[in-house]
Each structure stands twice: as structure tokens, then as C-alpha cells.
Amino acid sequence: MAWIASEHDPDWPFDLFATNFTLDPVTTVLLVVDMQGSDLTIDPDGELGRRYPDIPVYYNHRMTEIVVPNIGRLLEDFRSAGRRVVYTRNGRITPHGDELTARLRRHKPKPGALPRYRGTPAYDVMPDISPREDELIVDKLTSGAFNASILDHSLRNMGVTDVVIVGIAADMCVFGTARVAAELGYNALLCEDGCCTYTPRAQEDAMLMHARVFGRVATTDDILDELKSS
């Protein structure tokens, strides 16, 4: 089923402001944003789950039943067609995290939480959708994947023009990455059922923020059909 922006916000003048393009199957990359091991599920007994019990119910179902399977479908298609796949990982690179901005350093690991910094299972990409040896992984200290990283330089060297973006969280790192991709001149497409955040409202808001001006939003089925027919 297609995701049609005008159905979610019928008052916005999409015909005047939306950015339209068709994916080029030769120069399109799949960008998998921050699908790291510790974020597959939210613990209902953790602080977030105890204070907001509806969040783990929504998030855990969407991640395991919708997002991860759809990313798997996209990975299979991109790899079988010889298209590029790039991953990002976010968070501490060192155990102490002094390399992070002050804002991010304030979010300290909770007591008893698994350690999460480069080299730990919690930091690595989830095993079910893990990168292959020949696929680029960009470690980042910011929400947007293009900020202070090698991503833009790498994609331009690869000849990429179009970016299909999946991952978490939809309204944070995913949307932030998509917006900067558009600002840098890439055709940026958010895969609606390939990303997730804490609430349905936040998910929809992120998709609409992108679709109104910066780029396109589509479902996994739409993306696969478009690349097949291009």
C-alpha cells in the first residue's frame, strides 16, 4: 500500500512545494541508519517503558514485524542487483565518550545497561541485517549522518545521486540525514515502513516534514517496484 503525503496532510500545497524525482537504479544507494543491536527493542521494565508503557508496545512490534523485515527485503534487492549499501552507526566511539558534544554526553548509560561504544555488540549493526565485508560503515557522533563524517565524500566518489534511507529513529537521525541529503543535492527518499520511532504521531510527523519540501516518502513495495521498472 502506497504512502501518499496528501492523504496525511490534505491542506498542504504539495503540488507547488514537493520535490519529485524517479530513482535511478544505477546511482541509488540504500542508507541504513543506526540499526544497532541495543535498539532492536525497548525494555518494558526500563525507565522509558515504565513511564510510557505504550511506547515499547508500539516500537517493539513495529521494529520486529515491519521495519527489520522490510530492510531485509531492500538489502536482498539492492545486493542482488549490485547496488550500493551503506550503513551508519551512532554513539560513543570510546568508552568514556569524551568525543561527543555536551548535549549528547548528558545522556549517560543507565546503571545495568549493556556497554555501548565501538566494538561492543550493543553498538554493532543488528545481526539480521548486518553489513557485508564490502559495504561501507560510517561511524558518526551526530544525529545527521552527513554532519562531520565521511559520508558525503564517500557517496560522491561512488557516483551516488539518489539515497533511499531506512533506520532509526525516524524523527531524529533518519529525518536529519534525509534533510541534509536533500540540502546537499541528493534525491532523498524516506522508506516509511523501513523506519521507526517512539510513537505513531512522531513517525507521521517525520514523514510529512520530509515529504512537504525536501524529498519523497514511499513504502518498501513502492521502492522495489520503482527500481524494477526504471
C-alpha atoms as a PDB file:
ATOM      1  CA  MET A   1       0.000   0.000   0.000  1.00  0.00           C
ATOM      2  CA  ALA A   2       1.411   3.353  -1.041  1.00  0.00           C
ATOM      3  CA  TRP A   3       2.142   6.183   1.417  1.00  0.00           C
ATOM      4  CA  ILE A   4       0.544   9.302  -0.074  1.00  0.00           C
ATOM      5  CA  ALA A   5       1.525  12.520   1.669  1.00  0.00           C
ATOM      6  CA  SER A   6      -1.562  14.481   0.635  1.00  0.00           C
ATOM      7  CA  GLU A   7      -3.783  11.958   2.416  1.00  0.00           C
ATOM      8  CA  HIS A   8      -1.977  12.700   5.679  1.00  0.00           C
ATOM      9  CA  ASP A   9      -1.957  16.485   5.256  1.00  0.00           C
ATOM     10  CA  PRO A  10      -4.648  17.474   2.707  1.00  0.00           C
ATOM     11  CA  ASP A  11      -4.242  21.201   3.351  1.00  0.00           C
ATOM     12  CA  TRP A  12      -0.579  21.396   2.302  1.00  0.00           C
ATOM     13  CA  PRO A  13       0.134  22.536  -1.302  1.00  0.00           C
ATOM     14  CA  PHE A  14       2.204  19.511  -2.316  1.00  0.00           C
ATOM     15  CA  ASP A  15       1.703  20.321  -5.985  1.00  0.00           C
ATOM     16  CA  LEU A  16       3.670  23.550  -5.506  1.00  0.00           C
ATOM     17  CA  PHE A  17       6.356  22.617  -2.987  1.00  0.00           C
ATOM     18  CA  ALA A  18       7.027  18.874  -3.012  1.00  0.00           C
ATOM     19  CA  THR A  19      10.230  17.539  -4.583  1.00  0.00           C
ATOM     20  CA  ASN A  20       9.584  14.864  -7.199  1.00  0.00           C
ATOM     21  CA  PHE A  21      12.070  12.524  -8.847  1.00  0.00           C
ATOM     22  CA  THR A  22      12.404   8.964 -10.082  1.00  0.00           C
ATOM     23  CA  LEU A  23      15.064   6.737  -8.565  1.00  0.00           C
ATOM     24  CA  ASP A  24      17.941   5.893 -10.887  1.00  0.00           C
ATOM     25  CA  PRO A  25      18.671   2.181 -10.350  1.00  0.00           C
ATOM     26  CA  VAL A  26      22.314   2.668 -11.313  1.00  0.00           C
ATOM     27  CA  THR A  27      23.137   5.539  -8.943  1.00  0.00           C
ATOM     28  CA  THR A  28      20.840   4.801  -5.980  1.00  0.00           C
ATOM     29  CA  VAL A  29      22.252   3.755  -2.605  1.00  0.00           C
ATOM     30  CA  LEU A  30      20.457   2.152   0.336  1.00  0.00           C
ATOM     31  CA  LEU A  31      21.479   4.009   3.503  1.00  0.00           C
ATOM     32  CA  VAL A  32      20.790   2.025   6.684  1.00  0.00           C
ATOM     33  CA  VAL A  33      20.835   4.476   9.584  1.00  0.00           C
ATOM     34  CA  ASP A  34      21.784   3.379  13.111  1.00  0.00           C
ATOM     35  CA  MET A  35      20.145  -0.049  13.186  1.00  0.00           C
ATOM     36  CA  GLN A  36      22.261  -1.031  16.173  1.00  0.00           C
ATOM     37  CA  GLY A  37      21.908  -4.036  18.426  1.00  0.00           C
ATOM     38  CA  SER A  38      20.776  -2.289  21.582  1.00  0.00           C
ATOM     39  CA  ASP A  39      17.903  -0.580  19.752  1.00  0.00           C
ATOM     40  CA  LEU A  40      16.040  -3.589  18.369  1.00  0.00           C
ATOM     41  CA  THR A  41      13.571  -3.474  21.258  1.00  0.00           C
ATOM     42  CA  ILE A  42      12.698  -1.223  24.184  1.00  0.00           C
ATOM     43  CA  ASP A  43      12.632  -2.899  27.590  1.00  0.00           C
ATOM     44  CA  PRO A  44       9.126  -2.517  29.068  1.00  0.00           C
ATOM     45  CA  ASP A  45      10.723  -2.640  32.525  1.00  0.00           C
ATOM     46  CA  GLY A  46      13.258   0.088  31.778  1.00  0.00           C
ATOM     47  CA  GLU A  47      12.737   3.728  32.677  1.00  0.00           C
ATOM     48  CA  LEU A  48      11.179   4.634  29.309  1.00  0.00           C
ATOM     49  CA  GLY A  49       8.871   1.627  29.346  1.00  0.00           C
ATOM     50  CA  ARG A  50       7.752   2.147  32.941  1.00  0.00           C
ATOM     51  CA  ARG A  51       6.953   5.829  32.421  1.00  0.00           C
ATOM     52  CA  TYR A  52       5.464   5.452  28.935  1.00  0.00           C
ATOM     53  CA  PRO A  53       4.185   1.858  28.661  1.00  0.00           C
ATOM     54  CA  ASP A  54       2.590   2.357  25.238  1.00  0.00           C
ATOM     55  CA  ILE A  55       5.953   3.141  23.651  1.00  0.00           C
ATOM     56  CA  PRO A  56       7.580  -0.330  23.909  1.00  0.00           C
ATOM     57  CA  VAL A  57       4.350  -1.968  22.735  1.00  0.00           C
ATOM     58  CA  TYR A  58       4.272   0.144  19.569  1.00  0.00           C
ATOM     59  CA  TYR A  59       8.023   0.309  18.961  1.00  0.00           C
ATOM     60  CA  ASN A  60       8.818  -3.370  19.555  1.00  0.00           C
ATOM     61  CA  HIS A  61       6.048  -4.609  17.283  1.00  0.00           C
ATOM     62  CA  ARG A  62       6.899  -2.170  14.502  1.00  0.00           C
ATOM     63  CA  MET A  63      10.614  -2.902  14.652  1.00  0.00           C
ATOM     64  CA  THR A  64      10.446  -6.691  14.710  1.00  0.00           C
ATOM     65  CA  GLU A  65       7.384  -7.239  12.500  1.00  0.00           C
ATOM     66  CA  ILE A  66       7.675  -4.402   9.975  1.00  0.00           C
ATOM     67  CA  VAL A  67      10.935  -2.454   9.915  1.00  0.00           C
ATOM     68  CA  VAL A  68      13.573  -5.195  10.160  1.00  0.00           C
ATOM     69  CA  PRO A  69      11.809  -7.488   7.624  1.00  0.00           C
ATOM     70  CA  ASN A  70      11.395  -4.621   5.154  1.00  0.00           C
ATOM     71  CA  ILE A  71      15.019  -3.565   5.481  1.00  0.00           C
ATOM     72  CA  GLY A  72      15.893  -7.196   4.828  1.00  0.00           C
ATOM     73  CA  ARG A  73      13.856  -7.142   1.620  1.00  0.00           C
ATOM     74  CA  LEU A  74      15.580  -3.967   0.454  1.00  0.00           C
ATOM     75  CA  LEU A  75      19.008  -5.359   1.282  1.00  0.00           C
ATOM     76  CA  GLU A  76      18.306  -8.502  -0.723  1.00  0.00           C
ATOM     77  CA  ASP A  77      17.140  -6.494  -3.722  1.00  0.00           C
ATOM     78  CA  PHE A  78      19.999  -3.968  -3.663  1.00  0.00           C
ATOM     79  CA  ARG A  79      22.630  -6.656  -3.222  1.00  0.00           C
ATOM     80  CA  SER A  80      21.265  -8.958  -5.898  1.00  0.00           C
ATOM     81  CA  ALA A  81      21.190  -6.036  -8.346  1.00  0.00           C
ATOM     82  CA  GLY A  82      24.739  -4.951  -7.444  1.00  0.00           C
ATOM     83  CA  ARG A  83      23.610  -1.625  -5.970  1.00  0.00           C
ATOM     84  CA  ARG A  84      25.434   0.110  -3.147  1.00  0.00           C
ATOM     85  CA  VAL A  85      24.532  -0.343   0.526  1.00  0.00           C
ATOM     86  CA  VAL A  86      25.970   1.938   3.217  1.00  0.00           C
ATOM     87  CA  TYR A  87      25.448   1.759   6.978  1.00  0.00           C
ATOM     88  CA  THR A  88      25.812   4.270   9.783  1.00  0.00           C
ATOM     89  CA  ARG A  89      26.338   3.730  13.495  1.00  0.00           C
ATOM     90  CA  ASN A  90      25.791   6.355  16.161  1.00  0.00           C
ATOM     91  CA  GLY A  91      27.084   6.970  19.664  1.00  0.00           C
ATOM     92  CA  ARG A  92      30.224   6.687  21.715  1.00  0.00           C
ATOM     93  CA  ILE A  93      33.334   5.556  19.913  1.00  0.00           C
ATOM     94  CA  THR A  94      35.361   5.357  23.123  1.00  0.00           C
ATOM     95  CA  PRO A  95      34.073   4.001  26.449  1.00  0.00           C
ATOM     96  CA  HIS A  96      34.210   7.420  28.122  1.00  0.00           C
ATOM     97  CA  GLY A  97      32.521   9.284  25.258  1.00  0.00           C
ATOM     98  CA  ASP A  98      34.506  12.498  25.639  1.00  0.00           C
ATOM     99  CA  GLU A  99      34.369  12.887  21.853  1.00  0.00           C
ATOM    100  CA  LEU A 100      30.603  13.597  21.987  1.00  0.00           C
ATOM    101  CA  THR A 101      29.072  17.050  22.244  1.00  0.00           C
ATOM    102  CA  ALA A 102      28.000  18.214  25.694  1.00  0.00           C
ATOM    103  CA  ARG A 103      24.348  17.695  24.752  1.00  0.00           C
ATOM    104  CA  LEU A 104      24.899  14.037  23.950  1.00  0.00           C
ATOM    105  CA  ARG A 105      27.233  13.400  26.878  1.00  0.00           C
ATOM    106  CA  ARG A 106      24.345  14.246  29.177  1.00  0.00           C
ATOM    107  CA  HIS A 107      22.565  11.080  28.016  1.00  0.00           C
ATOM    108  CA  LYS A 108      24.600   8.733  30.177  1.00  0.00           C
ATOM    109  CA  PRO A 109      24.075   4.947  30.075  1.00  0.00           C
ATOM    110  CA  LYS A 110      21.643   3.753  32.712  1.00  0.00           C
ATOM    111  CA  PRO A 111      23.001   1.544  35.537  1.00  0.00           C
ATOM    112  CA  GLY A 112      22.993  -2.077  34.448  1.00  0.00           C
ATOM    113  CA  ALA A 113      22.711  -1.247  30.737  1.00  0.00           C
ATOM    114  CA  LEU A 114      24.948  -3.083  28.309  1.00  0.00           C
ATOM    115  CA  PRO A 115      28.035  -1.058  27.350  1.00  0.00           C
ATOM    116  CA  ARG A 116      27.601   0.701  24.015  1.00  0.00           C
ATOM    117  CA  TYR A 117      30.631   2.025  22.209  1.00  0.00           C
ATOM    118  CA  ARG A 118      32.539   0.939  19.129  1.00  0.00           C
ATOM    119  CA  GLY A 119      33.459  -2.737  19.370  1.00  0.00           C
ATOM    120  CA  THR A 120      30.587  -3.795  21.634  1.00  0.00           C
ATOM    121  CA  PRO A 121      27.569  -5.865  20.463  1.00  0.00           C
ATOM    122  CA  ALA A 122      25.178  -3.082  21.509  1.00  0.00           C
ATOM    123  CA  TYR A 123      26.955  -0.666  19.139  1.00  0.00           C
ATOM    124  CA  ASP A 124      27.189  -3.040  16.177  1.00  0.00           C
ATOM    125  CA  VAL A 125      24.509  -3.341  13.499  1.00  0.00           C
ATOM    126  CA  MET A 126      21.766  -5.850  14.300  1.00  0.00           C
ATOM    127  CA  PRO A 127      22.832  -9.342  13.186  1.00  0.00           C
ATOM    128  CA  ASP A 128      19.778  -9.987  10.986  1.00  0.00           C
ATOM    129  CA  ILE A 129      20.663  -7.053   8.713  1.00  0.00           C
ATOM    130  CA  SER A 130      24.416  -6.844   9.257  1.00  0.00           C
ATOM    131  CA  PRO A 131      26.715  -5.359   6.606  1.00  0.00           C
ATOM    132  CA  ARG A 132      28.816  -7.427   4.284  1.00  0.00           C
ATOM    133  CA  GLU A 133      32.583  -7.067   4.190  1.00  0.00           C
ATOM    134  CA  ASP A 134      32.467  -4.863   1.077  1.00  0.00           C
ATOM    135  CA  GLU A 135      29.858  -2.427   2.421  1.00  0.00           C
ATOM    136  CA  LEU A 136      30.811   0.911   3.951  1.00  0.00           C
ATOM    137  CA  ILE A 137      30.074   1.624   7.632  1.00  0.00           C
ATOM    138  CA  VAL A 138      30.197   5.251   8.749  1.00  0.00           C
ATOM    139  CA  ASP A 139      30.557   5.908  12.482  1.00  0.00           C
ATOM    140  CA  LYS A 140      29.085   9.249  13.487  1.00  0.00           C
ATOM    141  CA  LEU A 141      28.910  11.455  16.564  1.00  0.00           C
ATOM    142  CA  THR A 142      25.893  13.442  15.374  1.00  0.00           C
ATOM    143  CA  SER A 143      22.267  12.691  14.558  1.00  0.00           C
ATOM    144  CA  GLY A 144      22.562  13.636  10.886  1.00  0.00           C
ATOM    145  CA  ALA A 145      24.821  11.184   9.105  1.00  0.00           C
ATOM    146  CA  PHE A 146      26.345  13.809   6.799  1.00  0.00           C
ATOM    147  CA  ASN A 147      27.494  16.110   9.601  1.00  0.00           C
ATOM    148  CA  ALA A 148      31.202  15.797  10.405  1.00  0.00           C
ATOM    149  CA  SER A 149      31.564  12.415   8.688  1.00  0.00           C
ATOM    150  CA  ILE A 150      32.981  10.882   5.508  1.00  0.00           C
ATOM    151  CA  LEU A 151      29.524  10.063   4.142  1.00  0.00           C
ATOM    152  CA  ASP A 152      29.097  12.833   1.550  1.00  0.00           C
ATOM    153  CA  HIS A 153      32.671  12.446   0.299  1.00  0.00           C
ATOM    154  CA  SER A 154      32.195   8.671   0.005  1.00  0.00           C
ATOM    155  CA  LEU A 155      28.842   8.791  -1.792  1.00  0.00           C
ATOM    156  CA  ARG A 156      30.128  11.295  -4.340  1.00  0.00           C
ATOM    157  CA  ASN A 157      33.140   9.092  -5.033  1.00  0.00           C
ATOM    158  CA  MET A 158      30.722   6.165  -5.552  1.00  0.00           C
ATOM    159  CA  GLY A 159      28.749   8.200  -8.094  1.00  0.00           C
ATOM    160  CA  VAL A 160      25.582   8.200  -5.968  1.00  0.00           C
ATOM    161  CA  THR A 161      22.791  10.638  -6.824  1.00  0.00           C
ATOM    162  CA  ASP A 162      19.775   9.080  -5.084  1.00  0.00           C
ATOM    163  CA  VAL A 163      19.538   7.906  -1.467  1.00  0.00           C
ATOM    164  CA  VAL A 164      16.908   5.540  -0.050  1.00  0.00           C
ATOM    165  CA  ILE A 165      17.004   5.950   3.723  1.00  0.00           C
ATOM    166  CA  VAL A 166      15.854   3.460   6.368  1.00  0.00           C
ATOM    167  CA  GLY A 167      16.578   3.051  10.059  1.00  0.00           C
ATOM    168  CA  ILE A 168      16.019   4.688  13.438  1.00  0.00           C
ATOM    169  CA  ALA A 169      14.861   6.942  14.775  1.00  0.00           C
ATOM    170  CA  ALA A 170      12.559   8.270  12.074  1.00  0.00           C
ATOM    171  CA  ASP A 171      12.181  11.738  13.559  1.00  0.00           C
ATOM    172  CA  MET A 172      15.792  12.095  14.695  1.00  0.00           C
ATOM    173  CA  CYS A 173      18.746  10.555  12.852  1.00  0.00           C
ATOM    174  CA  VAL A 174      16.721   9.364   9.853  1.00  0.00           C
ATOM    175  CA  PHE A 175      14.934  12.642   9.135  1.00  0.00           C
ATOM    176  CA  GLY A 176      18.043  14.664   9.989  1.00  0.00           C
ATOM    177  CA  THR A 177      20.044  12.629   7.493  1.00  0.00           C
ATOM    178  CA  ALA A 178      17.385  12.909   4.796  1.00  0.00           C
ATOM    179  CA  ARG A 179      17.086  16.661   5.142  1.00  0.00           C
ATOM    180  CA  VAL A 180      20.823  17.245   4.836  1.00  0.00           C
ATOM    181  CA  ALA A 181      20.995  14.825   1.906  1.00  0.00           C
ATOM    182  CA  ALA A 182      18.447  16.998   0.122  1.00  0.00           C
ATOM    183  CA  GLU A 183      20.335  20.170   1.024  1.00  0.00           C
ATOM    184  CA  LEU A 184      23.493  18.652  -0.465  1.00  0.00           C
ATOM    185  CA  GLY A 185      21.735  17.912  -3.747  1.00  0.00           C
ATOM    186  CA  TYR A 186      20.881  14.225  -3.419  1.00  0.00           C
ATOM    187  CA  ASN A 187      17.448  12.886  -4.278  1.00  0.00           C
ATOM    188  CA  ALA A 188      16.415  11.748  -0.789  1.00  0.00           C
ATOM    189  CA  LEU A 189      13.678   9.158  -0.308  1.00  0.00           C
ATOM    190  CA  LEU A 190      12.464   8.013   3.112  1.00  0.00           C
ATOM    191  CA  CYS A 191      11.154   4.456   3.293  1.00  0.00           C
ATOM    192  CA  GLU A 192       8.115   4.858   5.568  1.00  0.00           C
ATOM    193  CA  ASP A 193       7.814   1.208   6.594  1.00  0.00           C
ATOM    194  CA  GLY A 194      11.583   0.835   6.865  1.00  0.00           C
ATOM    195  CA  CYS A 195      11.999   3.222   9.798  1.00  0.00           C
ATOM    196  CA  CYS A 196      10.643   3.646  13.292  1.00  0.00           C
ATOM    197  CA  THR A 197      10.447   5.974  16.253  1.00  0.00           C
ATOM    198  CA  TYR A 198       8.660   6.044  19.605  1.00  0.00           C
ATOM    199  CA  THR A 199       5.096   6.996  18.647  1.00  0.00           C
ATOM    200  CA  PRO A 200       2.854   6.871  15.557  1.00  0.00           C
ATOM    201  CA  ARG A 201       2.452  10.669  15.700  1.00  0.00           C
ATOM    202  CA  ALA A 202       6.207  11.223  15.689  1.00  0.00           C
ATOM    203  CA  GLN A 203       6.561   8.764  12.796  1.00  0.00           C
ATOM    204  CA  GLU A 204       3.966  10.556  10.699  1.00  0.00           C
ATOM    205  CA  ASP A 205       5.332  13.998  11.551  1.00  0.00           C
ATOM    206  CA  ALA A 206       8.805  12.993  10.366  1.00  0.00           C
ATOM    207  CA  MET A 207       7.481  11.617   7.081  1.00  0.00           C
ATOM    208  CA  LEU A 208       5.428  14.750   6.452  1.00  0.00           C
ATOM    209  CA  MET A 209       8.298  17.104   7.297  1.00  0.00           C
ATOM    210  CA  HIS A 210      10.325  15.412   4.578  1.00  0.00           C
ATOM    211  CA  ALA A 211       7.553  15.000   2.001  1.00  0.00           C
ATOM    212  CA  ARG A 212       6.330  18.594   2.123  1.00  0.00           C
ATOM    213  CA  VAL A 213       9.531  20.088   0.694  1.00  0.00           C
ATOM    214  CA  PHE A 214      12.719  18.062   0.903  1.00  0.00           C
ATOM    215  CA  GLY A 215      12.088  14.770  -0.860  1.00  0.00           C
ATOM    216  CA  ARG A 216       9.874  11.756  -1.247  1.00  0.00           C
ATOM    217  CA  VAL A 217       8.344   9.194   1.079  1.00  0.00           C
ATOM    218  CA  ALA A 218       7.436   5.721  -0.170  1.00  0.00           C
ATOM    219  CA  THR A 219       6.856   2.185   1.065  1.00  0.00           C
ATOM    220  CA  THR A 220       9.163  -0.770   0.551  1.00  0.00           C
ATOM    221  CA  ASP A 221       6.865  -2.216  -2.110  1.00  0.00           C
ATOM    222  CA  ASP A 222       6.807   1.099  -3.986  1.00  0.00           C
ATOM    223  CA  ILE A 223      10.602   1.370  -3.904  1.00  0.00           C
ATOM    224  CA  LEU A 224      11.159  -2.161  -5.153  1.00  0.00           C
ATOM    225  CA  ASP A 225       8.625  -1.686  -7.957  1.00  0.00           C
ATOM    226  CA  GLU A 226      10.156   1.647  -8.978  1.00  0.00           C
ATOM    227  CA  LEU A 227      13.685   0.266  -9.155  1.00  0.00           C
ATOM    228  CA  LYS A 228      12.452  -2.738 -11.113  1.00  0.00           C
ATOM    229  CA  SER A 229      10.633  -0.646 -13.695  1.00  0.00           C
ATOM    230  CA  SER A 230      13.199   2.146 -14.066  1.00  0.00           C
END
